[in-house]
Amino acid sequence: MSDFFNEFDTIPSQKLREIQNERLRALVDRCYREVPYYQDLFDKNGIKPKHIQTTEDLTILPFTEKKDLRVLYPYGLLGVPLDRIHRFAASSGTTGVPTLVGFTRRDWMETLREQMGRIFTGMGFRRNDLIYQCAGYGLFMGGPGMDAGAEAIGAIIFPAGPGRTLAAIQYLKDLGFQAISTTPSFVSYLVDVAQKNGINPKKDWKLRTSHIGGEPAAPALRRRVETLMPEEFEWHEGYGITELGGPTVGHSCQFSRESCELHILADHYFVEVIDPATGKRLEPGQEGELVVTTLTREATPLIRWRTRDLSALSENPFGCPCGRAAHPRIQRITGRTDDVLKVRSTLVFPSQIEEILNSTPGIGDGWQIVIDRPRESLDKLTVHTEVQPDIWQDMSQKKAIEEKIGQGVYGRLGMNVEVVLHPPGSLPRYEGKAKRVLDHREFEGGH
């Protein structure tokens, strides 16, 4: 099988820009005519479709955010009549009001399959591969997206969904799966449970490749998992959001995966990186918030959608030797703007703590941040982390690690924290996305 799914993978840069601009003009014109929200947004800002001719012109348009979709619930952002909707998906949030995402038959049967076929192909999935599929189903787009990718390339899906860890480790041994789709947390948990139950993933599993996504993953976690897997196993990451159509926005390739960079399917999505505070576009290499415009979605088109995900265009985003030279690469997702924690007037991203832990020798796999507000006192941040078995038995090494983490956090954030070390395997493990922050202030009326 070719390393490319279709001709769009290797499209020349100039041709891709022409396609982006052509699709953008059609999108803007259709949204203005058929989506009242966008017509009103344009009119309020004195903008007409004729003002948007290229992707450079997008900067004059306001952003669309999740709160806008919630106000428009349930059908306010549909770009087609309801009788043209083939299927719905939805994501929920802290308000309890879901964001409803529609798919026409073309969105579902053609666009989704083409996108996922290209992503799977770029990750090294092949015809007749047996895929152990751990992502969820229902209104969630993870599982259906993986199914679409398997159908597109002629692979065989095993729709296990999340959880059932003991069954999963046995299935992986008995059926000889070549590929797996899952989250970083769950794949790490799988290899740990397998070892504890007498299964050696390196020898007993046949996994060759993977689609890993749904949450940010530290490079150290990737390296650890790969050392425990079969020699040929490759950790590949995918990126997407339900509102944008599923796990369809980006993927790693054989050359980008080591640097944790992801190709954007740029004929389907135009991606900007902005300063979250000012909304201004940033240059390659500058980290900010990803903003995405859908170029091909019919049912729920989005113009300048604020993802809240933090990343950057790679310093040299174009020209990847894999052949997808016109499809830009972004750096790994480090967190979300709405993940930021305010502790004693200091803004803290969990990824900042994770980076400090991963740079500390002797640290184990499990970690968690706990924030409390003791009575009549300031907020207290405690970092809980496991240590490796040999460290747990050595008091002097444990003391040195506590000091190193504490100094690292103070040096990075300018605040003192308590560090609590735990024996290997004692902190919670998750069969889905990991819950890394426990903010007990939430139960005290907010903060």
Protein backbone atom coordinates (compact mmCIF):
# COMPACT_ATOMS: atom_id res chain seq x y z
CA MET A 1 0.00 0.00 0.00
CA SER A 2 1.22 3.54 -0.78
CA ASP A 3 2.39 5.87 1.99
CA PHE A 4 -0.27 8.30 0.73
CA PHE A 5 -4.04 7.88 0.69
CA ASN A 6 -4.73 10.20 -2.25
CA GLU A 7 -3.27 13.02 -4.34
CA PHE A 8 -4.15 15.65 -1.73
CA ASP A 9 -1.41 14.30 0.56
CA THR A 10 1.30 15.39 -1.89
CA ILE A 11 -0.41 18.39 -3.45
CA PRO A 12 1.97 21.26 -4.44
CA SER A 13 1.94 24.31 -2.17
CA GLN A 14 0.62 26.77 -4.75
CA LYS A 15 -2.21 24.45 -5.72
CA LEU A 16 -3.13 23.93 -2.07
CA ARG A 17 -3.31 27.69 -1.46
CA GLU A 18 -5.61 28.05 -4.46
CA ILE A 19 -7.88 25.28 -3.11
CA GLN A 20 -7.91 26.83 0.38
CA ASN A 21 -8.91 30.23 -0.94
CA GLU A 22 -11.53 28.80 -3.28
CA ARG A 23 -13.08 26.74 -0.50
CA LEU A 24 -12.90 29.66 1.93
CA ARG A 25 -14.79 31.97 -0.44
CA ALA A 26 -17.48 29.33 -0.93
CA LEU A 27 -17.69 28.76 2.85
CA VAL A 28 -18.04 32.45 3.68
CA ASP A 29 -20.66 33.00 0.99
CA ARG A 30 -22.71 30.01 2.13
CA CYS A 31 -22.47 30.90 5.82
CA TYR A 32 -23.61 34.45 5.11
CA ARG A 33 -26.60 33.25 3.07
CA GLU A 34 -27.67 30.23 5.12
CA VAL A 35 -26.48 30.61 8.73
CA PRO A 36 -28.21 33.52 10.52
CA TYR A 37 -25.52 33.61 13.21
CA TYR A 38 -22.81 34.36 10.68
CA GLN A 39 -24.92 36.81 8.69
CA ASP A 40 -25.58 38.75 11.88
CA LEU A 41 -21.89 38.56 12.91
CA PHE A 42 -20.75 39.86 9.53
CA ASP A 43 -23.34 42.64 9.44
CA LYS A 44 -22.51 43.83 12.95
CA ASN A 45 -18.88 44.21 11.90
CA GLY A 46 -19.58 45.79 8.52
CA ILE A 47 -18.21 42.78 6.62
CA LYS A 48 -19.53 41.28 3.39
CA PRO A 49 -18.47 37.99 1.79
CA LYS A 50 -16.65 39.93 -0.95
CA HIS A 51 -14.20 41.17 1.69
CA ILE A 52 -12.92 37.63 2.28
CA GLN A 53 -10.98 36.50 -0.77
CA THR A 54 -7.98 34.70 0.79
CA THR A 55 -6.99 33.17 4.10
CA GLU A 56 -5.08 36.38 4.89
CA ASP A 57 -8.40 38.24 4.97
CA LEU A 58 -9.70 36.07 7.82
CA THR A 59 -8.07 38.35 10.37
CA ILE A 60 -10.84 40.93 9.93
CA LEU A 61 -13.44 38.42 11.14
CA PRO A 62 -14.35 37.88 14.80
CA PHE A 63 -13.80 34.49 16.42
CA THR A 64 -16.47 31.86 17.06
CA GLU A 65 -16.35 30.22 20.50
CA LYS A 66 -18.01 27.36 22.33
CA LYS A 67 -20.24 29.79 24.23
CA ASP A 68 -21.67 30.91 20.89
CA LEU A 69 -22.65 27.34 20.01
CA ARG A 70 -24.27 26.90 23.40
CA VAL A 71 -26.36 30.04 22.95
CA LEU A 72 -27.43 28.71 19.54
CA TYR A 73 -28.36 25.25 20.89
CA PRO A 74 -29.76 23.10 19.41
CA TYR A 75 -29.86 23.95 15.69
CA GLY A 76 -28.66 27.54 15.42
CA LEU A 77 -25.40 26.86 13.61
CA LEU A 78 -26.54 24.28 11.11
CA GLY A 79 -25.46 25.14 7.59
CA VAL A 80 -28.14 22.96 5.97
CA PRO A 81 -31.83 22.24 6.63
CA LEU A 82 -32.53 19.67 9.32
CA ASP A 83 -33.81 17.15 6.80
CA ARG A 84 -30.32 17.01 5.26
CA ILE A 85 -28.70 15.93 8.55
CA HIS A 86 -27.51 12.34 8.49
CA ARG A 87 -26.12 12.14 12.03
CA PHE A 88 -25.33 14.18 15.14
CA ALA A 89 -22.44 14.25 17.57
CA ALA A 90 -22.11 16.36 20.70
CA SER A 91 -19.64 17.48 23.31
CA SER A 92 -20.64 18.73 26.72
CA GLY A 93 -18.96 21.03 29.17
CA THR A 94 -19.13 22.43 32.67
CA THR A 95 -22.35 24.34 31.98
CA GLY A 96 -24.18 21.14 31.08
CA VAL A 97 -25.35 22.67 27.78
CA PRO A 98 -23.97 20.50 24.96
CA THR A 99 -22.58 21.74 21.68
CA LEU A 100 -24.44 19.92 18.95
CA VAL A 101 -22.54 19.06 15.77
CA GLY A 102 -24.31 17.86 12.64
CA PHE A 103 -23.11 15.77 9.70
CA THR A 104 -24.67 15.56 6.28
CA ARG A 105 -24.40 12.26 4.45
CA ARG A 106 -21.47 13.69 2.53
CA ASP A 107 -19.79 14.90 5.76
CA TRP A 108 -20.12 11.42 7.23
CA MET A 109 -19.79 9.02 4.31
CA GLU A 110 -17.21 10.90 2.21
CA THR A 111 -15.35 13.67 4.05
CA LEU A 112 -14.87 11.87 7.37
CA ARG A 113 -13.70 8.67 5.68
CA GLU A 114 -11.30 10.52 3.39
CA GLN A 115 -9.81 12.47 6.30
CA MET A 116 -9.38 9.43 8.52
CA GLY A 117 -8.07 7.31 5.64
CA ARG A 118 -5.33 9.87 5.09
CA ILE A 119 -4.56 10.08 8.80
CA PHE A 120 -4.36 6.30 9.24
CA THR A 121 -2.21 5.96 6.13
CA GLY A 122 0.16 8.65 7.39
CA MET A 123 0.49 6.75 10.66
CA GLY A 124 1.43 3.51 8.95
CA PHE A 125 -1.93 1.72 9.21
CA ARG A 126 -2.35 -0.72 6.32
CA ARG A 127 -5.03 -2.74 4.55
CA ASN A 128 -6.05 -5.83 6.56
CA ASP A 129 -4.42 -4.52 9.76
CA LEU A 130 -6.35 -5.64 12.84
CA ILE A 131 -7.04 -2.53 14.97
CA TYR A 132 -7.85 -2.67 18.69
CA GLN A 133 -10.14 0.35 19.01
CA CYS A 134 -10.37 1.88 22.51
CA ALA A 135 -12.01 5.25 21.82
CA GLY A 136 -15.61 5.79 22.93
CA TYR A 137 -18.81 5.69 20.90
CA GLY A 138 -22.26 7.19 21.41
CA LEU A 139 -22.27 10.95 20.76
CA PHE A 140 -18.47 11.01 21.03
CA MET A 141 -16.60 11.17 17.72
CA GLY A 142 -13.56 9.12 18.71
CA GLY A 143 -14.89 5.65 18.03
CA PRO A 144 -16.85 6.49 14.85
CA GLY A 145 -13.81 8.36 13.52
CA MET A 146 -11.60 5.30 13.98
CA ASP A 147 -14.24 3.11 12.34
CA ALA A 148 -14.28 5.46 9.35
CA GLY A 149 -10.50 5.28 9.02
CA ALA A 150 -10.53 1.49 9.07
CA GLU A 151 -13.25 1.37 6.43
CA ALA A 152 -11.36 3.82 4.22
CA ILE A 153 -8.13 1.81 4.13
CA GLY A 154 -9.65 -1.68 4.29
CA ALA A 155 -8.48 -2.50 7.83
CA ILE A 156 -10.31 -4.65 10.37
CA ILE A 157 -11.79 -2.88 13.40
CA PHE A 158 -12.25 -4.49 16.81
CA PRO A 159 -14.60 -1.97 18.47
CA ALA A 160 -13.77 -2.65 22.11
CA GLY A 161 -14.25 0.93 23.28
CA PRO A 162 -12.69 2.22 26.50
CA GLY A 163 -12.07 0.14 29.60
CA ARG A 164 -12.14 -3.66 30.16
CA THR A 165 -8.40 -3.56 30.75
CA LEU A 166 -7.88 -7.21 31.67
CA ALA A 167 -9.77 -8.34 28.59
CA ALA A 168 -7.81 -5.87 26.47
CA ILE A 169 -4.38 -7.16 27.45
CA GLN A 170 -5.47 -10.72 26.67
CA TYR A 171 -7.09 -9.83 23.36
CA LEU A 172 -3.90 -8.01 22.33
CA LYS A 173 -1.95 -11.19 22.99
CA ASP A 174 -4.37 -13.72 21.54
CA LEU A 175 -5.52 -11.95 18.36
CA GLY A 176 -2.22 -10.42 17.27
CA PHE A 177 -3.40 -6.83 16.65
CA GLN A 178 -1.11 -4.71 14.48
CA ALA A 179 -2.56 -1.34 15.53
CA ILE A 180 -4.31 0.33 18.44
CA SER A 181 -6.31 3.56 18.86
CA THR A 182 -6.43 4.92 22.40
CA THR A 183 -5.48 7.73 24.78
CA PRO A 184 -1.99 8.30 26.23
CA SER A 185 -3.27 7.50 29.72
CA PHE A 186 -4.88 4.23 28.71
CA VAL A 187 -2.00 2.88 26.62
CA SER A 188 0.36 3.56 29.52
CA TYR A 189 -2.07 1.84 31.87
CA LEU A 190 -2.39 -1.13 29.51
CA VAL A 191 1.33 -1.90 29.48
CA ASP A 192 1.49 -1.61 33.27
CA VAL A 193 -1.45 -3.95 33.82
CA ALA A 194 -0.10 -6.39 31.26
CA GLN A 195 3.24 -6.66 33.07
CA LYS A 196 1.54 -7.15 36.43
CA ASN A 197 -0.49 -10.00 34.94
CA GLY A 198 2.39 -11.92 33.41
CA ILE A 199 2.11 -10.55 29.86
CA ASN A 200 5.17 -8.98 28.25
CA PRO A 201 3.96 -6.47 25.62
CA LYS A 202 7.35 -6.45 23.91
CA LYS A 203 7.20 -10.20 23.27
CA ASP A 204 3.53 -11.15 23.56
CA TRP A 205 1.93 -8.35 21.53
CA LYS A 206 2.31 -7.70 17.79
CA LEU A 207 1.49 -3.98 17.76
CA ARG A 208 3.26 -2.06 15.00
CA THR A 209 1.55 1.34 15.03
CA SER A 210 -1.04 3.43 16.85
CA HIS A 211 -3.41 6.37 16.82
CA ILE A 212 -3.03 8.04 20.23
CA GLY A 213 -4.97 11.19 21.09
CA GLY A 214 -7.67 12.79 23.18
CA GLU A 215 -5.31 14.49 25.64
CA PRO A 216 -1.79 15.99 25.67
CA ALA A 217 1.06 13.54 26.20
CA ALA A 218 4.52 14.34 27.51
CA PRO A 219 7.41 13.12 25.33
CA ALA A 220 8.75 11.14 28.29
CA LEU A 221 5.53 9.12 28.45
CA ARG A 222 5.77 8.32 24.76
CA ARG A 223 9.37 7.17 25.11
CA ARG A 224 8.55 4.99 28.08
CA VAL A 225 5.64 3.26 26.34
CA GLU A 226 7.68 2.64 23.20
CA THR A 227 10.47 0.96 25.20
CA LEU A 228 7.93 -1.53 26.61
CA MET A 229 6.25 -2.28 23.28
CA PRO A 230 7.47 -4.52 20.40
CA GLU A 231 10.61 -3.19 18.71
CA GLU A 232 8.74 -2.05 15.59
CA PHE A 233 5.98 -0.23 17.51
CA GLU A 234 5.51 3.47 16.66
CA TRP A 235 3.61 5.96 18.82
CA HIS A 236 1.60 8.20 16.49
CA GLU A 237 -0.59 11.05 17.64
CA GLY A 238 -3.79 12.40 16.14
CA TYR A 239 -5.56 15.68 16.80
CA GLY A 240 -9.14 16.78 16.45
CA ILE A 241 -12.18 18.22 18.20
CA THR A 242 -15.80 17.13 18.03
CA GLU A 243 -16.93 20.58 16.89
CA LEU A 244 -14.49 20.40 13.97
CA GLY A 245 -15.77 17.03 12.82
CA GLY A 246 -13.92 14.57 15.04
CA PRO A 247 -10.31 13.32 15.27
CA THR A 248 -9.70 14.66 11.78
CA VAL A 249 -7.57 17.80 11.99
CA GLY A 250 -3.99 16.53 12.21
CA HIS A 251 -1.65 13.57 12.56
CA SER A 252 1.99 12.62 12.96
CA CYS A 253 4.02 10.93 10.24
CA GLN A 254 7.16 8.81 10.28
CA PHE A 255 9.34 11.95 10.31
CA SER A 256 7.34 14.21 12.62
CA ARG A 257 6.48 11.79 15.41
CA GLU A 258 9.89 11.97 17.12
CA SER A 259 9.53 15.73 17.51
CA CYS A 260 5.86 15.33 18.53
CA GLU A 261 4.73 17.46 15.58
CA LEU A 262 1.49 17.00 13.66
CA HIS A 263 0.55 17.63 10.04
CA ILE A 264 -2.65 19.62 9.49
CA LEU A 265 -5.00 18.41 6.74
CA ALA A 266 -4.77 21.86 5.21
CA ASP A 267 -7.21 21.28 2.35
CA HIS A 268 -9.90 20.68 4.99
CA TYR A 269 -8.77 23.04 7.77
CA PHE A 270 -7.05 26.41 7.83
CA VAL A 271 -5.18 26.84 11.10
CA GLU A 272 -4.01 30.06 12.73
CA VAL A 273 -2.08 30.49 15.97
CA ILE A 274 -3.09 33.57 17.96
CA ASP A 275 -2.10 35.32 21.14
CA PRO A 276 -4.97 34.29 23.48
CA ALA A 277 -5.00 37.73 25.10
CA THR A 278 -4.86 39.98 22.02
CA GLY A 279 -6.19 37.74 19.25
CA LYS A 280 -3.25 38.67 17.01
CA ARG A 281 -1.71 36.04 14.73
CA LEU A 282 1.64 34.67 15.87
CA GLU A 283 4.65 33.63 13.83
CA PRO A 284 5.92 30.03 13.47
CA GLY A 285 7.59 28.88 16.68
CA GLN A 286 5.52 31.20 18.90
CA GLU A 287 3.13 29.31 21.17
CA GLY A 288 -0.45 30.45 21.36
CA GLU A 289 -4.01 29.23 20.83
CA LEU A 290 -5.03 27.25 17.77
CA VAL A 291 -7.85 28.80 15.74
CA VAL A 292 -9.39 26.63 13.02
CA THR A 293 -11.65 27.36 10.04
CA THR A 294 -13.41 24.37 8.48
CA LEU A 295 -13.15 24.47 4.69
CA THR A 296 -15.25 21.44 3.72
CA ARG A 297 -17.89 20.79 6.39
CA GLU A 298 -21.49 21.14 5.22
CA ALA A 299 -23.65 20.64 8.31
CA THR A 300 -21.78 22.64 10.97
CA PRO A 301 -19.34 25.05 9.33
CA LEU A 302 -17.08 27.02 11.66
CA ILE A 303 -15.15 30.19 10.86
CA ARG A 304 -12.22 31.08 13.13
CA TRP A 305 -13.16 28.57 15.84
CA ARG A 306 -11.18 29.12 19.06
CA THR A 307 -10.08 25.65 20.10
CA ARG A 308 -8.52 26.75 23.43
CA ASP A 309 -5.67 24.31 22.65
CA LEU A 310 -2.13 25.61 23.08
CA SER A 311 0.42 24.91 20.38
CA ALA A 312 2.51 26.66 17.74
CA LEU A 313 3.23 26.33 14.07
CA SER A 314 6.53 24.49 13.80
CA GLU A 315 9.51 26.77 13.26
CA ASN A 316 9.79 25.35 9.74
CA PRO A 317 6.22 24.14 9.19
CA PHE A 318 6.47 23.18 5.52
CA GLY A 319 8.58 20.79 3.47
CA CYS A 320 8.36 17.59 5.53
CA PRO A 321 10.41 14.80 3.91
CA CYS A 322 7.43 12.44 4.22
CA GLY A 323 6.04 14.10 1.07
CA ARG A 324 3.24 16.09 2.72
CA ALA A 325 5.30 19.20 2.09
CA ALA A 326 2.39 21.65 1.69
CA HIS A 327 0.53 20.53 4.83
CA PRO A 328 1.98 22.54 7.73
CA ARG A 329 3.10 20.97 10.96
CA ILE A 330 2.18 22.19 14.43
CA GLN A 331 4.06 21.48 17.64
CA ARG A 332 2.60 19.17 20.25
CA ILE A 333 -0.45 20.35 22.16
CA THR A 334 0.82 21.42 25.58
CA GLY A 335 -2.50 22.18 27.25
CA ARG A 336 -5.55 24.39 27.02
CA THR A 337 -6.14 28.02 27.84
CA ASP A 338 -9.12 26.98 29.95
CA ASP A 339 -6.95 24.49 31.91
CA VAL A 340 -5.09 27.35 33.53
CA LEU A 341 -5.33 27.41 37.32
CA LYS A 342 -5.14 30.56 39.39
CA VAL A 343 -3.35 29.80 42.65
CA ARG A 344 -2.43 32.67 44.98
CA SER A 345 -2.61 35.11 42.03
CA THR A 346 -0.27 32.92 39.97
CA LEU A 347 -1.41 31.34 36.70
CA VAL A 348 -0.44 27.67 36.62
CA PHE A 349 -0.72 25.28 33.67
CA PRO A 350 -0.65 21.58 34.64
CA SER A 351 1.74 21.02 31.71
CA GLN A 352 4.30 23.23 33.48
CA ILE A 353 4.26 20.88 36.48
CA GLU A 354 4.40 17.85 34.18
CA GLU A 355 7.52 19.17 32.43
CA ILE A 356 9.28 19.62 35.77
CA LEU A 357 8.36 16.10 36.86
CA ASN A 358 9.47 14.55 33.58
CA SER A 359 12.86 16.26 33.87
CA THR A 360 13.41 14.82 37.36
CA PRO A 361 15.29 11.47 37.45
CA GLY A 362 13.65 8.76 39.53
CA ILE A 363 10.06 9.88 38.99
CA GLY A 364 7.45 7.20 38.25
CA ASP A 365 4.41 7.33 35.99
CA GLY A 366 1.54 8.52 38.20
CA TRP A 367 1.18 12.15 39.24
CA GLN A 368 -1.56 14.51 40.34
CA ILE A 369 -1.98 18.12 41.43
CA VAL A 370 -4.23 18.85 44.42
CA ILE A 371 -5.35 22.38 45.30
CA ASP A 372 -6.92 23.16 48.65
CA ARG A 373 -8.02 26.31 50.43
CA PRO A 374 -7.39 25.75 54.13
CA ARG A 375 -9.68 27.72 56.45
CA GLU A 376 -8.45 31.29 56.90
CA SER A 377 -5.38 30.61 54.78
CA LEU A 378 -4.04 30.99 51.25
CA ASP A 379 -4.56 28.42 48.51
CA LYS A 380 -2.27 25.42 48.85
CA LEU A 381 -0.91 23.48 45.87
CA THR A 382 0.41 19.97 46.47
CA VAL A 383 2.23 17.92 43.86
CA HIS A 384 1.76 14.16 44.29
CA THR A 385 4.02 11.89 42.27
CA GLU A 386 5.14 8.30 42.24
CA VAL A 387 8.83 7.39 42.34
CA GLN A 388 10.62 4.39 40.94
CA PRO A 389 10.95 1.28 43.17
CA ASP A 390 14.62 1.75 44.08
CA ILE A 391 14.00 5.39 45.03
CA TRP A 392 11.10 4.53 47.34
CA GLN A 393 13.43 2.57 49.59
CA ASP A 394 16.05 5.33 49.84
CA MET A 395 15.19 8.21 52.15
CA SER A 396 18.06 10.42 51.01
CA GLN A 397 17.10 10.11 47.34
CA LYS A 398 13.46 10.80 48.16
CA LYS A 399 14.46 13.95 50.03
CA ALA A 400 16.59 15.09 47.08
CA ILE A 401 13.71 14.54 44.66
CA GLU A 402 11.28 16.49 46.84
CA GLU A 403 13.72 19.40 46.92
CA LYS A 404 14.42 19.25 43.18
CA ILE A 405 10.72 19.34 42.29
CA GLY A 406 10.02 22.10 44.82
CA GLN A 407 12.90 24.19 43.50
CA GLY A 408 11.83 23.54 39.92
CA VAL A 409 8.28 24.73 40.57
CA TYR A 410 9.52 27.79 42.46
CA GLY A 411 11.96 28.64 39.71
CA ARG A 412 9.29 28.28 37.02
CA LEU A 413 6.27 29.73 38.81
CA GLY A 414 7.67 31.69 41.74
CA MET A 415 5.57 29.84 44.30
CA ASN A 416 6.25 27.31 47.03
CA VAL A 417 4.45 23.97 46.83
CA GLU A 418 4.31 20.84 48.92
CA VAL A 419 5.68 17.70 47.26
CA VAL A 420 4.40 14.28 48.35
CA LEU A 421 6.07 11.14 47.01
CA HIS A 422 4.21 7.84 46.60
CA PRO A 423 5.28 4.24 45.95
CA PRO A 424 5.05 2.88 42.39
CA GLY A 425 1.53 2.12 41.18
CA SER A 426 -0.25 3.76 44.12
CA LEU A 427 -1.81 6.79 42.42
CA PRO A 428 -4.99 6.45 40.32
CA ARG A 429 -4.83 5.06 36.78
CA TYR A 430 -7.43 5.91 34.14
CA GLU A 431 -9.00 3.96 31.29
CA GLY A 432 -9.85 7.21 29.51
CA LYS A 433 -8.48 10.70 29.87
CA ALA A 434 -6.40 11.15 33.01
CA LYS A 435 -7.65 13.51 35.72
CA ARG A 436 -4.46 15.29 36.70
CA VAL A 437 -5.94 18.13 38.79
CA LEU A 438 -8.13 17.87 41.87
CA ASP A 439 -9.29 21.36 42.76
CA HIS A 440 -11.06 21.09 46.09
CA ARG A 441 -11.84 24.81 45.99
CA GLU A 442 -14.61 23.92 43.52
CA PHE A 443 -16.60 22.58 46.46
CA GLU A 444 -16.26 25.80 48.41
CA GLY A 445 -18.33 28.00 46.14
CA GLY A 446 -15.76 28.57 43.39
CA HIS A 447 -12.63 30.67 43.29
